[in-house]
Structures are given as structure tokens and as C-alpha cells.
Amino acid sequence: MLQTGLALLAQNGGKEGTTDTILWIIAAVLVIFGIVTIVRGALLWGIVLIIAGLLVGPGGVSVLD
């Protein structure tokens, strides 16, 4: 996944839209893994992953902005 992200940045010269797209993908993956983790029974770890996904995402609250 990291190689794909770096390839996108290199291809578009690191434009703002590309960075936001990569952040959305990372945030979505974290939230999906959080939901799967909750379904598997690890409630606390799932909540942590979902909160991390919400903090990384470029919309709303973002740690990386």
C-alpha cells in the first residue's frame, strides 16, 4: 500500500488532491479494520482503530493537516 501511495505522489508531483486521496484511503482502511475487529470480539482495539481512522482522514478532524 505504501508503494502505491508513493507512486501516486511521484506521478502527480505531490499535489494536494493526491495527498488527500491517500489520507482517505488510509482512514477508510483503519475504520474498516476497526469494524472487523469489533465483530471479531476485540471491542477496545476496534474502537481505537476507528478513532485513529477518523483522526487521520482529511475531512473533519485531521491530525495531519
C-alpha atoms as a PDB file:
ATOM      1  CA  MET A   1       0.000   0.000   0.000  1.00  0.00           C
ATOM      2  CA  LEU A   2       2.869   2.363   0.811  1.00  0.00           C
ATOM      3  CA  GLN A   3       4.398   1.778  -2.610  1.00  0.00           C
ATOM      4  CA  THR A   4       1.088   2.627  -4.270  1.00  0.00           C
ATOM      5  CA  GLY A   5       0.848   5.841  -2.273  1.00  0.00           C
ATOM      6  CA  LEU A   6       4.395   6.845  -3.111  1.00  0.00           C
ATOM      7  CA  ALA A   7       3.792   6.070  -6.772  1.00  0.00           C
ATOM      8  CA  LEU A   8       0.718   8.322  -6.789  1.00  0.00           C
ATOM      9  CA  LEU A   9       2.682  11.144  -5.167  1.00  0.00           C
ATOM     10  CA  ALA A  10       5.534  10.774  -7.654  1.00  0.00           C
ATOM     11  CA  GLN A  11       3.167  10.648 -10.621  1.00  0.00           C
ATOM     12  CA  ASN A  12       1.251  13.808  -9.685  1.00  0.00           C
ATOM     13  CA  GLY A  13       4.142  15.729  -8.174  1.00  0.00           C
ATOM     14  CA  GLY A  14       2.678  15.606  -4.647  1.00  0.00           C
ATOM     15  CA  LYS A  15      -0.339  17.772  -5.434  1.00  0.00           C
ATOM     16  CA  GLU A  16      -2.822  18.494  -2.639  1.00  0.00           C
ATOM     17  CA  GLY A  17      -5.573  16.307  -4.105  1.00  0.00           C
ATOM     18  CA  THR A  18      -3.345  13.257  -4.251  1.00  0.00           C
ATOM     19  CA  THR A  19      -2.345  13.608  -0.613  1.00  0.00           C
ATOM     20  CA  ASP A  20      -5.989  13.892   0.409  1.00  0.00           C
ATOM     21  CA  THR A  21      -6.820  10.781  -1.598  1.00  0.00           C
ATOM     22  CA  ILE A  22      -4.091   8.789   0.115  1.00  0.00           C
ATOM     23  CA  LEU A  23      -5.260  10.003   3.535  1.00  0.00           C
ATOM     24  CA  TRP A  24      -8.852   9.000   2.705  1.00  0.00           C
ATOM     25  CA  ILE A  25      -7.677   5.522   1.720  1.00  0.00           C
ATOM     26  CA  ILE A  26      -5.651   5.091   4.913  1.00  0.00           C
ATOM     27  CA  ALA A  27      -8.546   6.394   7.025  1.00  0.00           C
ATOM     28  CA  ALA A  28     -11.032   4.071   5.320  1.00  0.00           C
ATOM     29  CA  VAL A  29      -8.772   1.055   5.831  1.00  0.00           C
ATOM     30  CA  LEU A  30      -8.359   1.877   9.524  1.00  0.00           C
ATOM     31  CA  VAL A  31     -12.114   2.247  10.040  1.00  0.00           C
ATOM     32  CA  ILE A  32     -12.886  -0.970   8.147  1.00  0.00           C
ATOM     33  CA  PHE A  33     -10.277  -2.888  10.171  1.00  0.00           C
ATOM     34  CA  GLY A  34     -11.770  -1.356  13.315  1.00  0.00           C
ATOM     35  CA  ILE A  35     -15.244  -2.616  12.429  1.00  0.00           C
ATOM     36  CA  VAL A  36     -13.917  -6.075  11.575  1.00  0.00           C
ATOM     37  CA  THR A  37     -12.002  -6.140  14.869  1.00  0.00           C
ATOM     38  CA  ILE A  38     -15.148  -5.253  16.816  1.00  0.00           C
ATOM     39  CA  VAL A  39     -17.087  -8.005  15.048  1.00  0.00           C
ATOM     40  CA  ARG A  40     -14.331 -10.478  15.985  1.00  0.00           C
ATOM     41  CA  GLY A  41     -14.755  -9.537  19.652  1.00  0.00           C
ATOM     42  CA  ALA A  42     -11.926  -7.102  20.439  1.00  0.00           C
ATOM     43  CA  LEU A  43     -14.094  -4.102  21.255  1.00  0.00           C
ATOM     44  CA  LEU A  44     -11.446  -1.778  22.702  1.00  0.00           C
ATOM     45  CA  TRP A  45      -8.937  -2.354  19.879  1.00  0.00           C
ATOM     46  CA  GLY A  46     -11.689  -1.832  17.289  1.00  0.00           C
ATOM     47  CA  ILE A  47     -12.678   1.480  18.858  1.00  0.00           C
ATOM     48  CA  VAL A  48      -9.032   2.596  18.864  1.00  0.00           C
ATOM     49  CA  LEU A  49      -8.709   1.779  15.143  1.00  0.00           C
ATOM     50  CA  ILE A  50     -11.917   3.634  14.280  1.00  0.00           C
ATOM     51  CA  ILE A  51     -10.829   6.726  16.230  1.00  0.00           C
ATOM     52  CA  ALA A  52      -7.402   6.595  14.543  1.00  0.00           C
ATOM     53  CA  GLY A  53      -9.135   6.423  11.147  1.00  0.00           C
ATOM     54  CA  LEU A  54     -11.253   9.457  11.985  1.00  0.00           C
ATOM     55  CA  LEU A  55      -8.186  11.419  13.106  1.00  0.00           C
ATOM     56  CA  VAL A  56      -6.117  10.553  10.010  1.00  0.00           C
ATOM     57  CA  GLY A  57      -8.842  11.329   7.454  1.00  0.00           C
ATOM     58  CA  PRO A  58      -8.586  14.653   5.636  1.00  0.00           C
ATOM     59  CA  GLY A  59     -12.208  15.617   6.338  1.00  0.00           C
ATOM     60  CA  GLY A  60     -13.485  16.885   9.666  1.00  0.00           C
ATOM     61  CA  VAL A  61     -10.843  16.394  12.349  1.00  0.00           C
ATOM     62  CA  SER A  62      -7.411  15.593  10.974  1.00  0.00           C
ATOM     63  CA  VAL A  63      -4.160  15.227  12.876  1.00  0.00           C
ATOM     64  CA  LEU A  64      -2.109  15.556   9.702  1.00  0.00           C
ATOM     65  CA  ASP A  65      -3.489  18.908   8.498  1.00  0.00           C
END
